[in-house]
């Protein structure tokens, strides 16, 4: 089994990142249940170094796709995403969404003809993963309709991944004294999701 961990835990808190605490718990749960599994990580550095597509880059990618040149470097992240058996995405709740670096990553993995395709009946996903988990934390209270949660739920369906789960560690800035308890509870939920078969 191969788990893909998309680590967008960009935080001024560094090692004390609250979203990273959820990701760590998830990975601990996953590794305890799947000790022989392989974990591949897309690091924050990789995400921050991605350049958003401009017209020229889009045209170039479309030209490569039109001739089936799927081994081109621009498709590496899409291949990695497509081949994963399980995916976990961790990103803080920023400005009612998530960091721009993660949105740019979405553009790279959304490769028509590779991670999904169209036919007369609509859009069909081509990814191998059976589940995707989205982990996030924020100062405000949990909102199921938050853009991050809604977007990743819809992307999961577009990519043909059958199950979507999320953990939203919310309300962390409403009463800072309660934040450690709230993070701990959210991390336990993440750990349980990681341990599920």
C-alpha atoms as a PDB file:
ATOM      1  CA  UNK A   1       0.000   0.000   0.000  1.00  0.00           C
ATOM      2  CA  UNK A   2       1.186   3.508  -0.820  1.00  0.00           C
ATOM      3  CA  UNK A   3       0.032   6.558   1.125  1.00  0.00           C
ATOM      4  CA  UNK A   4       0.509  10.009  -0.375  1.00  0.00           C
ATOM      5  CA  UNK A   5       0.851  12.754   2.236  1.00  0.00           C
ATOM      6  CA  UNK A   6       0.357  16.244   0.815  1.00  0.00           C
ATOM      7  CA  UNK A   7       1.961  18.377   3.518  1.00  0.00           C
ATOM      8  CA  UNK A   8       0.823  21.985   3.266  1.00  0.00           C
ATOM      9  CA  UNK A   9       1.385  22.641   6.981  1.00  0.00           C
ATOM     10  CA  UNK A  10       2.676  26.148   6.375  1.00  0.00           C
ATOM     11  CA  UNK A  11       2.704  27.885   9.742  1.00  0.00           C
ATOM     12  CA  UNK A  12       4.444  30.622  11.665  1.00  0.00           C
ATOM     13  CA  UNK A  13       4.307  28.199  14.583  1.00  0.00           C
ATOM     14  CA  UNK A  14       6.872  25.957  12.894  1.00  0.00           C
ATOM     15  CA  UNK A  15       7.082  22.608  14.696  1.00  0.00           C
ATOM     16  CA  UNK A  16       4.133  23.691  16.854  1.00  0.00           C
ATOM     17  CA  UNK A  17       1.840  23.859  13.834  1.00  0.00           C
ATOM     18  CA  UNK A  18      -1.601  22.737  14.901  1.00  0.00           C
ATOM     19  CA  UNK A  19      -2.357  21.257  11.481  1.00  0.00           C
ATOM     20  CA  UNK A  20       0.939  19.361  11.600  1.00  0.00           C
ATOM     21  CA  UNK A  21      -0.197  17.848  14.917  1.00  0.00           C
ATOM     22  CA  UNK A  22      -3.228  16.373  13.124  1.00  0.00           C
ATOM     23  CA  UNK A  23      -1.043  15.098  10.289  1.00  0.00           C
ATOM     24  CA  UNK A  24       1.419  13.503  12.716  1.00  0.00           C
ATOM     25  CA  UNK A  25      -1.421  11.714  14.514  1.00  0.00           C
ATOM     26  CA  UNK A  26      -2.907  10.491  11.228  1.00  0.00           C
ATOM     27  CA  UNK A  27       0.457   9.139  10.086  1.00  0.00           C
ATOM     28  CA  UNK A  28       1.031   7.423  13.435  1.00  0.00           C
ATOM     29  CA  UNK A  29      -2.342   5.716  13.153  1.00  0.00           C
ATOM     30  CA  UNK A  30      -1.684   4.736   9.555  1.00  0.00           C
ATOM     31  CA  UNK A  31       1.792   3.330  10.258  1.00  0.00           C
ATOM     32  CA  UNK A  32       0.532   1.326  13.233  1.00  0.00           C
ATOM     33  CA  UNK A  33      -2.118  -0.316  11.058  1.00  0.00           C
ATOM     34  CA  UNK A  34       0.078  -0.639   7.944  1.00  0.00           C
ATOM     35  CA  UNK A  35       3.698  -1.094   9.090  1.00  0.00           C
ATOM     36  CA  UNK A  36       4.847  -2.241   5.655  1.00  0.00           C
ATOM     37  CA  UNK A  37       3.193   0.580   3.722  1.00  0.00           C
ATOM     38  CA  UNK A  38       5.154   3.176   1.811  1.00  0.00           C
ATOM     39  CA  UNK A  39       4.576   6.867   2.583  1.00  0.00           C
ATOM     40  CA  UNK A  40       5.419   9.478  -0.038  1.00  0.00           C
ATOM     41  CA  UNK A  41       5.359  13.140   0.990  1.00  0.00           C
ATOM     42  CA  UNK A  42       4.794  16.261  -1.054  1.00  0.00           C
ATOM     43  CA  UNK A  43       6.632  18.758   1.141  1.00  0.00           C
ATOM     44  CA  UNK A  44       5.721  22.379   1.832  1.00  0.00           C
ATOM     45  CA  UNK A  45       8.896  23.355  -0.039  1.00  0.00           C
ATOM     46  CA  UNK A  46       7.732  21.482  -3.132  1.00  0.00           C
ATOM     47  CA  UNK A  47       4.330  23.163  -2.952  1.00  0.00           C
ATOM     48  CA  UNK A  48       5.782  26.631  -2.461  1.00  0.00           C
ATOM     49  CA  UNK A  49       8.101  26.188  -5.437  1.00  0.00           C
ATOM     50  CA  UNK A  50       5.272  25.359  -7.856  1.00  0.00           C
ATOM     51  CA  UNK A  51       4.638  28.122 -10.340  1.00  0.00           C
ATOM     52  CA  UNK A  52       0.992  28.821 -11.208  1.00  0.00           C
ATOM     53  CA  UNK A  53       0.122  28.062 -14.811  1.00  0.00           C
ATOM     54  CA  UNK A  54       0.104  30.991 -17.211  1.00  0.00           C
ATOM     55  CA  UNK A  55      -1.195  30.813 -20.788  1.00  0.00           C
ATOM     56  CA  UNK A  56       2.123  29.629 -22.184  1.00  0.00           C
ATOM     57  CA  UNK A  57       2.460  26.840 -19.599  1.00  0.00           C
ATOM     58  CA  UNK A  58      -1.138  25.740 -20.142  1.00  0.00           C
ATOM     59  CA  UNK A  59      -0.612  25.573 -23.905  1.00  0.00           C
ATOM     60  CA  UNK A  60       2.556  23.566 -23.442  1.00  0.00           C
ATOM     61  CA  UNK A  61       0.877  21.092 -21.093  1.00  0.00           C
ATOM     62  CA  UNK A  62      -2.086  20.732 -23.441  1.00  0.00           C
ATOM     63  CA  UNK A  63       0.253  20.087 -26.375  1.00  0.00           C
ATOM     64  CA  UNK A  64       2.055  17.366 -24.412  1.00  0.00           C
ATOM     65  CA  UNK A  65      -1.238  15.752 -23.395  1.00  0.00           C
ATOM     66  CA  UNK A  66      -2.534  15.846 -26.977  1.00  0.00           C
ATOM     67  CA  UNK A  67       0.317  13.601 -28.137  1.00  0.00           C
ATOM     68  CA  UNK A  68       0.220  11.375 -25.056  1.00  0.00           C
ATOM     69  CA  UNK A  69       3.558  12.629 -23.676  1.00  0.00           C
ATOM     70  CA  UNK A  70       2.522  11.737 -20.140  1.00  0.00           C
ATOM     71  CA  UNK A  71       6.128  11.147 -19.077  1.00  0.00           C
ATOM     72  CA  UNK A  72       6.870  14.904 -19.252  1.00  0.00           C
ATOM     73  CA  UNK A  73       7.988  16.445 -15.928  1.00  0.00           C
ATOM     74  CA  UNK A  74       4.879  18.632 -15.716  1.00  0.00           C
ATOM     75  CA  UNK A  75       2.826  15.463 -15.076  1.00  0.00           C
ATOM     76  CA  UNK A  76       5.002  14.007 -12.283  1.00  0.00           C
ATOM     77  CA  UNK A  77       2.770  15.197  -9.442  1.00  0.00           C
ATOM     78  CA  UNK A  78      -0.358  14.023 -11.264  1.00  0.00           C
ATOM     79  CA  UNK A  79       1.161  10.537 -11.735  1.00  0.00           C
ATOM     80  CA  UNK A  80       2.127  10.393  -8.069  1.00  0.00           C
ATOM     81  CA  UNK A  81      -1.418  11.385  -7.075  1.00  0.00           C
ATOM     82  CA  UNK A  82      -3.020   8.955  -9.527  1.00  0.00           C
ATOM     83  CA  UNK A  83      -0.993   5.959  -8.300  1.00  0.00           C
ATOM     84  CA  UNK A  84      -1.467   6.443  -4.553  1.00  0.00           C
ATOM     85  CA  UNK A  85      -3.655   3.932  -2.695  1.00  0.00           C
ATOM     86  CA  UNK A  86      -4.648   6.421  -0.017  1.00  0.00           C
ATOM     87  CA  UNK A  87      -4.218  10.193   0.196  1.00  0.00           C
ATOM     88  CA  UNK A  88      -4.083  12.592   3.134  1.00  0.00           C
ATOM     89  CA  UNK A  89      -3.955  16.355   2.609  1.00  0.00           C
ATOM     90  CA  UNK A  90      -3.099  18.656   5.522  1.00  0.00           C
ATOM     91  CA  UNK A  91      -3.432  22.434   5.314  1.00  0.00           C
ATOM     92  CA  UNK A  92      -4.391  25.233   7.705  1.00  0.00           C
ATOM     93  CA  UNK A  93      -7.689  27.073   7.432  1.00  0.00           C
ATOM     94  CA  UNK A  94      -6.560  30.376   5.897  1.00  0.00           C
ATOM     95  CA  UNK A  95      -8.887  33.148   4.784  1.00  0.00           C
ATOM     96  CA  UNK A  96     -11.864  30.753   4.682  1.00  0.00           C
ATOM     97  CA  UNK A  97      -9.891  28.373   2.464  1.00  0.00           C
ATOM     98  CA  UNK A  98      -6.262  27.155   2.509  1.00  0.00           C
ATOM     99  CA  UNK A  99      -2.828  28.413   1.380  1.00  0.00           C
ATOM    100  CA  UNK A 100      -2.395  29.391  -2.270  1.00  0.00           C
ATOM    101  CA  UNK A 101       0.433  26.870  -2.636  1.00  0.00           C
ATOM    102  CA  UNK A 102      -2.085  24.043  -2.231  1.00  0.00           C
ATOM    103  CA  UNK A 103      -4.378  25.568  -4.855  1.00  0.00           C
ATOM    104  CA  UNK A 104      -1.462  25.610  -7.297  1.00  0.00           C
ATOM    105  CA  UNK A 105      -0.831  21.926  -6.502  1.00  0.00           C
ATOM    106  CA  UNK A 106      -4.451  21.198  -7.423  1.00  0.00           C
ATOM    107  CA  UNK A 107      -3.760  22.675 -10.860  1.00  0.00           C
ATOM    108  CA  UNK A 108      -0.828  20.289 -11.339  1.00  0.00           C
ATOM    109  CA  UNK A 109      -2.711  17.147 -10.308  1.00  0.00           C
ATOM    110  CA  UNK A 110      -5.810  18.068 -12.305  1.00  0.00           C
ATOM    111  CA  UNK A 111      -4.572  16.649 -15.599  1.00  0.00           C
ATOM    112  CA  UNK A 112      -7.383  15.828 -18.021  1.00  0.00           C
ATOM    113  CA  UNK A 113      -6.583  12.463 -19.563  1.00  0.00           C
ATOM    114  CA  UNK A 114      -4.462  11.341 -16.619  1.00  0.00           C
ATOM    115  CA  UNK A 115      -6.198  11.825 -13.260  1.00  0.00           C
ATOM    116  CA  UNK A 116      -9.651  12.194 -14.829  1.00  0.00           C
ATOM    117  CA  UNK A 117     -11.227  12.243 -18.283  1.00  0.00           C
ATOM    118  CA  UNK A 118     -14.419  13.201 -20.059  1.00  0.00           C
ATOM    119  CA  UNK A 119     -16.697  11.228 -22.320  1.00  0.00           C
ATOM    120  CA  UNK A 120     -20.247  11.718 -23.545  1.00  0.00           C
ATOM    121  CA  UNK A 121     -21.658  10.783 -20.147  1.00  0.00           C
ATOM    122  CA  UNK A 122     -19.556  13.270 -18.165  1.00  0.00           C
ATOM    123  CA  UNK A 123     -16.409  13.448 -16.050  1.00  0.00           C
ATOM    124  CA  UNK A 124     -14.798  10.250 -14.751  1.00  0.00           C
ATOM    125  CA  UNK A 125     -11.953   9.885 -12.285  1.00  0.00           C
ATOM    126  CA  UNK A 126      -8.920   7.730 -13.032  1.00  0.00           C
ATOM    127  CA  UNK A 127      -7.126   7.679  -9.661  1.00  0.00           C
ATOM    128  CA  UNK A 128      -6.369   4.475  -7.759  1.00  0.00           C
ATOM    129  CA  UNK A 129      -6.900   5.751  -4.208  1.00  0.00           C
ATOM    130  CA  UNK A 130      -9.850   4.379  -2.281  1.00  0.00           C
ATOM    131  CA  UNK A 131      -9.976   7.314   0.142  1.00  0.00           C
ATOM    132  CA  UNK A 132      -8.840  10.882   0.685  1.00  0.00           C
ATOM    133  CA  UNK A 133      -8.649  12.583   4.077  1.00  0.00           C
ATOM    134  CA  UNK A 134      -8.435  16.353   4.472  1.00  0.00           C
ATOM    135  CA  UNK A 135      -6.985  17.679   7.735  1.00  0.00           C
ATOM    136  CA  UNK A 136      -7.275  21.330   8.723  1.00  0.00           C
ATOM    137  CA  UNK A 137      -7.194  23.589  11.779  1.00  0.00           C
ATOM    138  CA  UNK A 138      -8.271  27.158  12.322  1.00  0.00           C
ATOM    139  CA  UNK A 139      -9.127  29.855  14.767  1.00  0.00           C
ATOM    140  CA  UNK A 140     -12.814  29.871  13.847  1.00  0.00           C
ATOM    141  CA  UNK A 141     -15.309  27.115  14.578  1.00  0.00           C
ATOM    142  CA  UNK A 142     -15.674  24.071  12.345  1.00  0.00           C
ATOM    143  CA  UNK A 143     -17.758  24.661   9.255  1.00  0.00           C
ATOM    144  CA  UNK A 144     -18.584  21.712   7.028  1.00  0.00           C
ATOM    145  CA  UNK A 145     -19.315  24.185   4.235  1.00  0.00           C
ATOM    146  CA  UNK A 146     -15.849  25.774   4.410  1.00  0.00           C
ATOM    147  CA  UNK A 147     -14.257  26.174   0.992  1.00  0.00           C
ATOM    148  CA  UNK A 148     -11.411  23.807   1.822  1.00  0.00           C
ATOM    149  CA  UNK A 149     -13.700  20.996   2.917  1.00  0.00           C
ATOM    150  CA  UNK A 150     -16.149  21.484   0.032  1.00  0.00           C
ATOM    151  CA  UNK A 151     -13.375  21.790  -2.554  1.00  0.00           C
ATOM    152  CA  UNK A 152     -11.551  18.632  -1.469  1.00  0.00           C
ATOM    153  CA  UNK A 153     -14.822  16.711  -1.239  1.00  0.00           C
ATOM    154  CA  UNK A 154     -15.606  17.682  -4.830  1.00  0.00           C
ATOM    155  CA  UNK A 155     -12.060  16.965  -6.018  1.00  0.00           C
ATOM    156  CA  UNK A 156     -12.229  13.526  -4.398  1.00  0.00           C
ATOM    157  CA  UNK A 157     -15.318  12.749  -6.458  1.00  0.00           C
ATOM    158  CA  UNK A 158     -13.821  14.209  -9.652  1.00  0.00           C
ATOM    159  CA  UNK A 159     -10.731  12.021  -9.288  1.00  0.00           C
ATOM    160  CA  UNK A 160     -12.868   8.907  -8.822  1.00  0.00           C
ATOM    161  CA  UNK A 161     -11.880   8.350  -5.192  1.00  0.00           C
ATOM    162  CA  UNK A 162     -14.720   6.617  -3.392  1.00  0.00           C
ATOM    163  CA  UNK A 163     -14.429   7.947   0.148  1.00  0.00           C
ATOM    164  CA  UNK A 164     -13.851  11.429   1.590  1.00  0.00           C
ATOM    165  CA  UNK A 165     -13.273  12.226   5.253  1.00  0.00           C
ATOM    166  CA  UNK A 166     -12.075  15.344   7.000  1.00  0.00           C
ATOM    167  CA  UNK A 167     -11.033  16.569  10.416  1.00  0.00           C
ATOM    168  CA  UNK A 168     -11.495  20.252  11.187  1.00  0.00           C
ATOM    169  CA  UNK A 169      -9.794  21.292  14.409  1.00  0.00           C
ATOM    170  CA  UNK A 170     -11.678  24.528  14.821  1.00  0.00           C
ATOM    171  CA  UNK A 171     -12.302  27.275  17.352  1.00  0.00           C
ATOM    172  CA  UNK A 172      -8.638  27.361  18.375  1.00  0.00           C
ATOM    173  CA  UNK A 173      -8.421  31.136  18.723  1.00  0.00           C
ATOM    174  CA  UNK A 174     -11.751  31.709  20.484  1.00  0.00           C
ATOM    175  CA  UNK A 175     -10.352  30.708  23.874  1.00  0.00           C
ATOM    176  CA  UNK A 176      -6.590  30.079  23.638  1.00  0.00           C
ATOM    177  CA  UNK A 177      -6.670  28.214  26.941  1.00  0.00           C
ATOM    178  CA  UNK A 178      -8.853  25.526  25.377  1.00  0.00           C
ATOM    179  CA  UNK A 179      -6.794  25.227  22.178  1.00  0.00           C
ATOM    180  CA  UNK A 180      -4.535  22.357  23.368  1.00  0.00           C
ATOM    181  CA  UNK A 181      -7.572  20.290  24.341  1.00  0.00           C
ATOM    182  CA  UNK A 182      -9.277  20.981  21.002  1.00  0.00           C
ATOM    183  CA  UNK A 183      -6.137  20.104  19.026  1.00  0.00           C
ATOM    184  CA  UNK A 184      -5.744  16.894  21.035  1.00  0.00           C
ATOM    185  CA  UNK A 185      -9.344  15.856  20.319  1.00  0.00           C
ATOM    186  CA  UNK A 186      -8.977  16.591  16.602  1.00  0.00           C
ATOM    187  CA  UNK A 187      -5.667  14.720  16.507  1.00  0.00           C
ATOM    188  CA  UNK A 188      -7.334  11.666  18.035  1.00  0.00           C
ATOM    189  CA  UNK A 189      -9.966  11.731  15.271  1.00  0.00           C
ATOM    190  CA  UNK A 190      -7.159  11.965  12.710  1.00  0.00           C
ATOM    191  CA  UNK A 191      -5.348   9.043  14.344  1.00  0.00           C
ATOM    192  CA  UNK A 192      -8.494   6.914  14.126  1.00  0.00           C
ATOM    193  CA  UNK A 193      -8.926   7.727  10.447  1.00  0.00           C
ATOM    194  CA  UNK A 194      -5.290   6.821   9.791  1.00  0.00           C
ATOM    195  CA  UNK A 195      -5.698   3.457  11.484  1.00  0.00           C
ATOM    196  CA  UNK A 196      -8.790   2.472   9.504  1.00  0.00           C
ATOM    197  CA  UNK A 197      -8.242  -0.251   6.929  1.00  0.00           C
END
